């Protein structure tokens, strides 16, 4: 991939990258003509990319972000963390871009690696049930992304299909006819096209905006209270000011913070790949946090809640009795002081 990378693999070893504690000592391994400030910056970014990528390759497994030593006994941890990618056209190139981050970091880009322009917003794929499963890591089943068809013209149909995917799981191919392995969705990514958003803003396309907002807020897309991550692509096809207005608009439309919005341009460089890895880490963390408890632990949790509830009821009742008793004593003493309750023999 591009971005001013070293054209060979001679200096790409992660052991080389980790053998020194400073970028300056690493840069001396480069040929003299390449020892420049810009090259140092690229090399530092490359090292950061290698270290970040190695986390997913060597350390991540489903449930990794659950901070509990007994997580295997308490939580329903899947074999594969499954991310569902929904939204505007152009999701296929985005998935390819995510997968390519884990290819050889020092390789040169292929012509089809850039995000290509996408056609109209709607009716891209007539079969709403067709899904494509993509394993993100080679020789590993720990992370997969399901690429879905585009929006339907009818929001109700979108919600019906989404609910079916979340409740019943997803399969590679036609979700109804396919015999491939079913996977339960662990988290959702909402893909938006910056060009489409800008057009909607300029044309005041309220239907499109309402569809985005309603889909994002659809209750079935919340996992452990975590709403979908938002990915904005094709930001390099608009100006910086326009992209900023697009991001601000999405932030206000969905009522989310900027840390939940990830802008992935079509440019192949280290900055783009680090953004992709940040997106992936964010999604995996939210997916792990939303994993359900096992039935036994869920029952114990419910029993504990019930016990706490009964304790709170008893405590509230005791407080009410105490308040009534105090009020009665105050009223009685006041009545005695004014002769309201005179004692007769």
Protein backbone atom coordinates (compact mmCIF):
# COMPACT_ATOMS: atom_id res chain seq x y z
CA UNK A 1 0.00 0.00 0.00
CA UNK A 2 1.08 3.61 -0.61
CA UNK A 3 1.92 6.62 1.53
CA UNK A 4 5.68 6.95 0.98
CA UNK A 5 6.59 3.51 2.23
CA UNK A 6 9.90 1.77 1.96
CA UNK A 7 9.73 -0.14 -1.37
CA UNK A 8 11.28 -3.32 -0.04
CA UNK A 9 10.77 -5.58 2.93
CA UNK A 10 14.34 -5.22 4.13
CA UNK A 11 13.42 -2.99 7.04
CA UNK A 12 9.91 -4.30 7.71
CA UNK A 13 10.66 -6.81 10.44
CA UNK A 14 8.72 -6.15 13.64
CA UNK A 15 11.69 -7.47 15.60
CA UNK A 16 13.83 -4.80 13.97
CA UNK A 17 11.20 -2.19 14.75
CA UNK A 18 11.13 -3.19 18.40
CA UNK A 19 14.88 -3.64 18.84
CA UNK A 20 15.47 0.01 19.65
CA UNK A 21 13.78 2.42 22.04
CA UNK A 22 13.85 5.44 19.69
CA UNK A 23 12.87 6.27 16.12
CA UNK A 24 16.23 7.96 15.58
CA UNK A 25 18.16 4.75 16.15
CA UNK A 26 15.82 2.92 13.79
CA UNK A 27 16.15 5.48 11.03
CA UNK A 28 19.91 4.97 10.85
CA UNK A 29 19.21 1.56 9.32
CA UNK A 30 17.78 3.26 6.23
CA UNK A 31 19.98 4.22 3.27
CA UNK A 32 21.61 7.70 3.67
CA UNK A 33 19.52 9.25 0.90
CA UNK A 34 16.33 8.29 2.75
CA UNK A 35 17.33 9.66 6.15
CA UNK A 36 15.06 12.72 6.12
CA UNK A 37 12.52 14.20 8.48
CA UNK A 38 9.63 13.06 6.28
CA UNK A 39 11.04 9.56 6.06
CA UNK A 40 11.47 9.47 9.83
CA UNK A 41 7.84 10.46 10.21
CA UNK A 42 6.74 7.70 7.83
CA UNK A 43 8.92 5.18 9.59
CA UNK A 44 7.53 6.16 13.00
CA UNK A 45 4.01 5.77 11.64
CA UNK A 46 4.97 2.39 10.19
CA UNK A 47 6.21 1.23 13.57
CA UNK A 48 2.99 2.39 15.21
CA UNK A 49 1.02 0.53 12.54
CA UNK A 50 3.03 -2.65 13.07
CA UNK A 51 2.57 -2.54 16.83
CA UNK A 52 -1.16 -1.83 16.54
CA UNK A 53 -1.66 -4.51 13.92
CA UNK A 54 0.21 -7.08 16.01
CA UNK A 55 -2.35 -6.60 18.79
CA UNK A 56 -5.13 -7.95 16.58
CA UNK A 57 -3.01 -10.72 15.05
CA UNK A 58 -1.34 -11.99 18.19
CA UNK A 59 -3.47 -11.00 21.17
CA UNK A 60 -7.12 -10.39 20.36
CA UNK A 61 -9.66 -13.13 20.86
CA UNK A 62 -13.41 -12.81 21.49
CA UNK A 63 -14.01 -11.56 25.02
CA UNK A 64 -10.55 -9.96 25.31
CA UNK A 65 -11.94 -6.61 26.48
CA UNK A 66 -14.02 -8.10 29.32
CA UNK A 67 -12.14 -7.17 32.47
CA UNK A 68 -13.05 -10.26 34.47
CA UNK A 69 -10.79 -13.27 35.15
CA UNK A 70 -13.88 -15.52 35.14
CA UNK A 71 -15.19 -14.21 31.84
CA UNK A 72 -15.27 -17.69 30.22
CA UNK A 73 -17.53 -18.98 33.00
CA UNK A 74 -19.78 -15.91 33.13
CA UNK A 75 -20.24 -14.76 29.53
CA UNK A 76 -21.43 -16.30 26.29
CA UNK A 77 -18.18 -15.80 24.39
CA UNK A 78 -18.47 -16.62 20.67
CA UNK A 79 -15.93 -18.36 18.53
CA UNK A 80 -15.84 -15.30 16.27
CA UNK A 81 -16.61 -11.66 17.04
CA UNK A 82 -19.10 -10.76 14.31
CA UNK A 83 -19.49 -7.17 13.10
CA UNK A 84 -22.44 -6.26 10.88
CA UNK A 85 -21.76 -3.47 8.38
CA UNK A 86 -24.90 -1.66 7.22
CA UNK A 87 -25.71 1.59 5.44
CA UNK A 88 -24.76 3.40 2.25
CA UNK A 89 -23.20 1.76 -0.84
CA UNK A 90 -19.43 1.36 -0.81
CA UNK A 91 -19.21 -1.09 2.08
CA UNK A 92 -17.38 -3.68 -0.01
CA UNK A 93 -14.37 -1.43 -0.68
CA UNK A 94 -14.35 -0.49 3.01
CA UNK A 95 -14.16 -4.16 4.02
CA UNK A 96 -11.36 -4.70 1.51
CA UNK A 97 -9.53 -1.75 3.02
CA UNK A 98 -9.89 -3.19 6.52
CA UNK A 99 -8.56 -6.57 5.39
CA UNK A 100 -5.68 -5.02 3.45
CA UNK A 101 -4.29 -3.43 6.62
CA UNK A 102 -3.27 -6.90 7.69
CA UNK A 103 -1.51 -7.67 4.41
CA UNK A 104 2.22 -7.07 4.05
CA UNK A 105 2.68 -3.53 5.35
CA UNK A 106 5.57 -2.84 2.97
CA UNK A 107 3.85 -3.97 -0.21
CA UNK A 108 2.80 -1.53 -2.92
CA UNK A 109 -0.90 -0.84 -3.54
CA UNK A 110 -2.88 -2.54 -6.24
CA UNK A 111 -4.95 -0.40 -8.62
CA UNK A 112 -8.25 -1.64 -7.20
CA UNK A 113 -7.32 -1.00 -3.56
CA UNK A 114 -8.65 2.57 -3.59
CA UNK A 115 -12.25 3.20 -2.78
CA UNK A 116 -14.04 3.52 -6.10
CA UNK A 117 -16.96 5.86 -6.71
CA UNK A 118 -20.29 4.23 -5.94
CA UNK A 119 -23.57 4.51 -7.83
CA UNK A 120 -26.87 5.84 -6.56
CA UNK A 121 -27.91 5.45 -2.94
CA UNK A 122 -30.79 3.04 -3.25
CA UNK A 123 -31.78 -0.27 -4.83
CA UNK A 124 -28.21 -1.46 -5.38
CA UNK A 125 -28.98 -5.09 -4.60
CA UNK A 126 -32.48 -6.51 -5.05
CA UNK A 127 -31.88 -9.44 -2.69
CA UNK A 128 -32.01 -8.02 0.83
CA UNK A 129 -31.12 -11.42 2.31
CA UNK A 130 -27.72 -11.84 0.63
CA UNK A 131 -24.77 -11.33 2.97
CA UNK A 132 -21.01 -11.65 2.52
CA UNK A 133 -18.81 -12.89 5.33
CA UNK A 134 -15.22 -11.63 5.48
CA UNK A 135 -12.64 -13.03 7.89
CA UNK A 136 -10.40 -10.09 8.70
CA UNK A 137 -7.30 -12.02 9.75
CA UNK A 138 -5.65 -14.69 7.66
CA UNK A 139 -5.56 -18.14 9.30
CA UNK A 140 -7.80 -16.89 12.13
CA UNK A 141 -11.53 -16.91 12.86
CA UNK A 142 -11.46 -14.40 15.71
CA UNK A 143 -12.89 -11.42 13.74
CA UNK A 144 -15.32 -11.29 10.84
CA UNK A 145 -17.32 -8.55 9.13
CA UNK A 146 -20.59 -9.18 7.31
CA UNK A 147 -21.12 -6.91 4.32
CA UNK A 148 -24.84 -6.28 3.79
CA UNK A 149 -26.93 -4.98 0.86
CA UNK A 150 -27.75 -1.28 0.67
CA UNK A 151 -30.71 0.61 2.04
CA UNK A 152 -34.19 -0.30 0.93
CA UNK A 153 -36.55 2.47 -0.17
CA UNK A 154 -38.86 1.40 2.65
CA UNK A 155 -37.61 2.00 6.22
CA UNK A 156 -40.01 -0.60 7.62
CA UNK A 157 -38.38 -3.23 5.43
CA UNK A 158 -34.95 -2.15 6.64
CA UNK A 159 -36.00 -2.60 10.27
CA UNK A 160 -37.68 -5.95 9.65
CA UNK A 161 -34.58 -7.40 8.01
CA UNK A 162 -32.26 -5.93 10.64
CA UNK A 163 -34.37 -7.39 13.43
CA UNK A 164 -34.23 -10.81 11.76
CA UNK A 165 -30.43 -10.63 11.43
CA UNK A 166 -29.95 -9.60 15.05
CA UNK A 167 -32.40 -12.13 16.48
CA UNK A 168 -31.66 -15.14 14.28
CA UNK A 169 -28.06 -14.61 13.22
CA UNK A 170 -26.41 -14.13 9.84
CA UNK A 171 -24.94 -16.53 7.28
CA UNK A 172 -22.61 -16.12 4.33
CA UNK A 173 -24.70 -15.98 1.17
CA UNK A 174 -28.48 -15.97 1.21
CA UNK A 175 -29.46 -15.95 4.87
CA UNK A 176 -32.59 -18.00 4.14
CA UNK A 177 -31.23 -20.65 1.78
CA UNK A 178 -27.57 -20.81 2.82
CA UNK A 179 -26.28 -23.80 4.75
CA UNK A 180 -23.18 -21.93 5.91
CA UNK A 181 -22.49 -21.51 9.61
CA UNK A 182 -24.78 -19.08 11.37
CA UNK A 183 -23.17 -16.36 13.47
CA UNK A 184 -24.84 -14.11 15.99
CA UNK A 185 -24.12 -10.41 15.51
CA UNK A 186 -22.02 -8.84 18.29
CA UNK A 187 -21.89 -5.23 17.11
CA UNK A 188 -23.04 -3.01 14.24
CA UNK A 189 -21.17 -0.46 12.11
CA UNK A 190 -23.19 2.18 10.28
CA UNK A 191 -21.51 3.21 7.02
CA UNK A 192 -22.24 6.67 5.60
CA UNK A 193 -20.96 8.24 2.40
CA UNK A 194 -19.72 11.83 2.83
CA UNK A 195 -20.82 12.74 -0.70
CA UNK A 196 -24.37 11.48 -0.06
CA UNK A 197 -24.56 13.29 3.28
CA UNK A 198 -23.40 16.55 1.71
CA UNK A 199 -25.98 16.19 -1.08
CA UNK A 200 -28.70 15.50 1.49
CA UNK A 201 -27.72 18.62 3.44
CA UNK A 202 -27.76 20.80 0.34
CA UNK A 203 -31.01 19.34 -1.01
CA UNK A 204 -32.63 19.09 2.44
CA UNK A 205 -33.40 15.43 1.85
CA UNK A 206 -35.31 14.79 5.07
CA UNK A 207 -36.32 11.25 4.09
CA UNK A 208 -32.69 10.16 3.80
CA UNK A 209 -31.76 11.90 7.06
CA UNK A 210 -34.72 10.37 8.89
CA UNK A 211 -33.75 6.91 7.62
CA UNK A 212 -30.22 7.33 8.96
CA UNK A 213 -31.42 8.56 12.35
CA UNK A 214 -34.16 5.94 12.72
CA UNK A 215 -31.81 3.12 11.76
CA UNK A 216 -29.09 4.29 14.13
CA UNK A 217 -31.57 4.52 17.00
CA UNK A 218 -33.29 1.22 16.21
CA UNK A 219 -33.35 -0.64 19.57
CA UNK A 220 -32.24 -3.95 18.07
CA UNK A 221 -28.91 -2.38 17.04
CA UNK A 222 -27.94 -1.61 20.63
CA UNK A 223 -25.60 -4.11 22.32
CA UNK A 224 -25.23 -3.67 26.05
CA UNK A 225 -26.42 -0.09 25.58
CA UNK A 226 -23.76 0.58 22.91
CA UNK A 227 -25.12 2.14 19.74
CA UNK A 228 -23.41 1.47 16.38
CA UNK A 229 -20.09 3.00 15.41
CA UNK A 230 -20.35 5.40 12.46
CA UNK A 231 -17.90 5.22 9.56
CA UNK A 232 -17.72 8.02 7.00
CA UNK A 233 -16.01 7.24 3.69
CA UNK A 234 -15.22 9.26 0.57
CA UNK A 235 -14.23 12.23 2.71
CA UNK A 236 -11.33 12.78 0.30
CA UNK A 237 -13.88 13.53 -2.45
CA UNK A 238 -15.09 16.66 -0.67
CA UNK A 239 -13.20 19.65 0.68
CA UNK A 240 -11.90 19.77 4.25
CA UNK A 241 -14.52 22.36 5.17
CA UNK A 242 -17.30 20.25 3.65
CA UNK A 243 -16.08 17.13 5.45
CA UNK A 244 -16.04 19.05 8.72
CA UNK A 245 -19.63 20.17 8.15
CA UNK A 246 -20.62 16.59 7.29
CA UNK A 247 -19.12 15.25 10.53
CA UNK A 248 -20.76 18.02 12.58
CA UNK A 249 -24.08 17.29 10.91
CA UNK A 250 -23.83 13.56 11.70
CA UNK A 251 -22.85 14.38 15.28
CA UNK A 252 -25.95 16.55 15.74
CA UNK A 253 -28.29 14.27 13.77
CA UNK A 254 -27.43 11.17 15.80
CA UNK A 255 -26.63 12.88 19.09
CA UNK A 256 -23.23 11.23 19.49
CA UNK A 257 -19.70 12.35 20.27
CA UNK A 258 -16.90 12.67 17.75
CA UNK A 259 -15.10 9.65 19.22
CA UNK A 260 -17.89 7.47 17.79
CA UNK A 261 -17.38 8.78 14.23
CA UNK A 262 -14.51 7.46 12.10
CA UNK A 263 -13.57 9.14 8.82
CA UNK A 264 -11.85 6.67 6.50
CA UNK A 265 -10.63 8.37 3.30
CA UNK A 266 -9.88 6.55 0.07
CA UNK A 267 -6.20 7.46 0.29
CA UNK A 268 -3.77 4.64 1.13
CA UNK A 269 -1.35 5.88 3.76
CA UNK A 270 -0.32 5.14 7.31
CA UNK A 271 -2.78 7.66 8.79
CA UNK A 272 -5.70 5.93 7.04
CA UNK A 273 -4.62 2.49 8.20
CA UNK A 274 -4.18 3.66 11.80
CA UNK A 275 -7.72 5.09 11.66
CA UNK A 276 -8.99 1.74 10.41
CA UNK A 277 -7.26 -0.05 13.29
CA UNK A 278 -8.74 2.48 15.73
CA UNK A 279 -12.19 1.76 14.30
CA UNK A 280 -11.65 -1.98 14.58
CA UNK A 281 -10.43 -1.77 18.16
CA UNK A 282 -13.38 0.45 19.13
CA UNK A 283 -15.88 -1.99 17.59
CA UNK A 284 -14.30 -5.06 19.19
CA UNK A 285 -14.27 -3.37 22.59
CA UNK A 286 -17.96 -2.47 22.32
CA UNK A 287 -18.77 -5.97 21.04
CA UNK A 288 -17.06 -7.59 24.02
CA UNK A 289 -18.77 -5.23 26.45
CA UNK A 290 -22.15 -6.21 25.02
CA UNK A 291 -21.71 -9.99 25.26
CA UNK A 292 -24.60 -11.61 27.14
CA UNK A 293 -24.22 -13.42 30.44
CA UNK A 294 -24.59 -17.18 30.55
CA UNK A 295 -27.96 -18.43 31.73
CA UNK A 296 -26.69 -19.46 35.17
CA UNK A 297 -24.97 -16.13 35.78
CA UNK A 298 -28.01 -14.30 34.43
CA UNK A 299 -30.24 -16.15 36.87
CA UNK A 300 -27.87 -15.37 39.74
CA UNK A 301 -27.81 -11.73 38.70
CA UNK A 302 -31.61 -11.63 38.60
CA UNK A 303 -31.80 -13.28 42.02
CA UNK A 304 -29.35 -10.72 43.37
CA UNK A 305 -31.40 -7.90 41.88
CA UNK A 306 -34.53 -9.40 43.44
CA UNK A 307 -32.83 -9.62 46.84
CA UNK A 308 -31.63 -6.03 46.52
CA UNK A 309 -35.13 -4.99 45.47
CA UNK A 310 -36.68 -6.69 48.52
CA UNK A 311 -34.07 -5.06 50.74
CA UNK A 312 -34.87 -1.67 49.26
CA UNK A 313 -38.61 -2.25 49.78
CA UNK A 314 -38.03 -3.21 53.43
CA UNK A 315 -35.74 -0.22 53.93
CA UNK A 316 -38.29 2.17 52.38
CA UNK A 317 -41.04 0.70 54.54
CA UNK A 318 -38.95 1.10 57.70
CA UNK A 319 -38.18 4.71 56.80
CA UNK A 320 -41.88 5.41 56.15
CA UNK A 321 -42.85 3.94 59.55
CA UNK A 322 -40.15 5.97 61.26
CA UNK A 323 -41.30 9.19 59.59
CA UNK A 324 -44.95 8.55 60.51
CA UNK A 325 -43.96 7.80 64.13
CA UNK A 326 -41.92 10.98 64.44
CA UNK A 327 -44.71 13.06 62.92
CA UNK A 328 -47.25 11.50 65.31
CA UNK A 329 -45.05 12.22 68.35
CA UNK A 330 -44.50 15.81 67.24
CA UNK A 331 -48.23 16.30 66.72
CA UNK A 332 -49.03 14.72 70.12
CA UNK A 333 -46.52 16.89 71.98
CA UNK A 334 -47.79 19.99 70.20
CA UNK A 335 -51.36 19.08 71.15
CA UNK A 336 -50.43 18.63 74.78
CA UNK A 337 -48.63 21.97 74.85
CA UNK A 338 -51.73 23.88 73.72
CA UNK A 339 -54.14 21.84 75.81
CA UNK A 340 -55.66 20.14 72.84
CA UNK A 341 -55.33 16.78 74.52
CA UNK A 342 -56.23 17.51 78.15
CA UNK A 343 -56.08 14.47 80.38
CA UNK A 344 -59.16 14.02 82.55
CA UNK A 345 -59.26 11.82 85.58
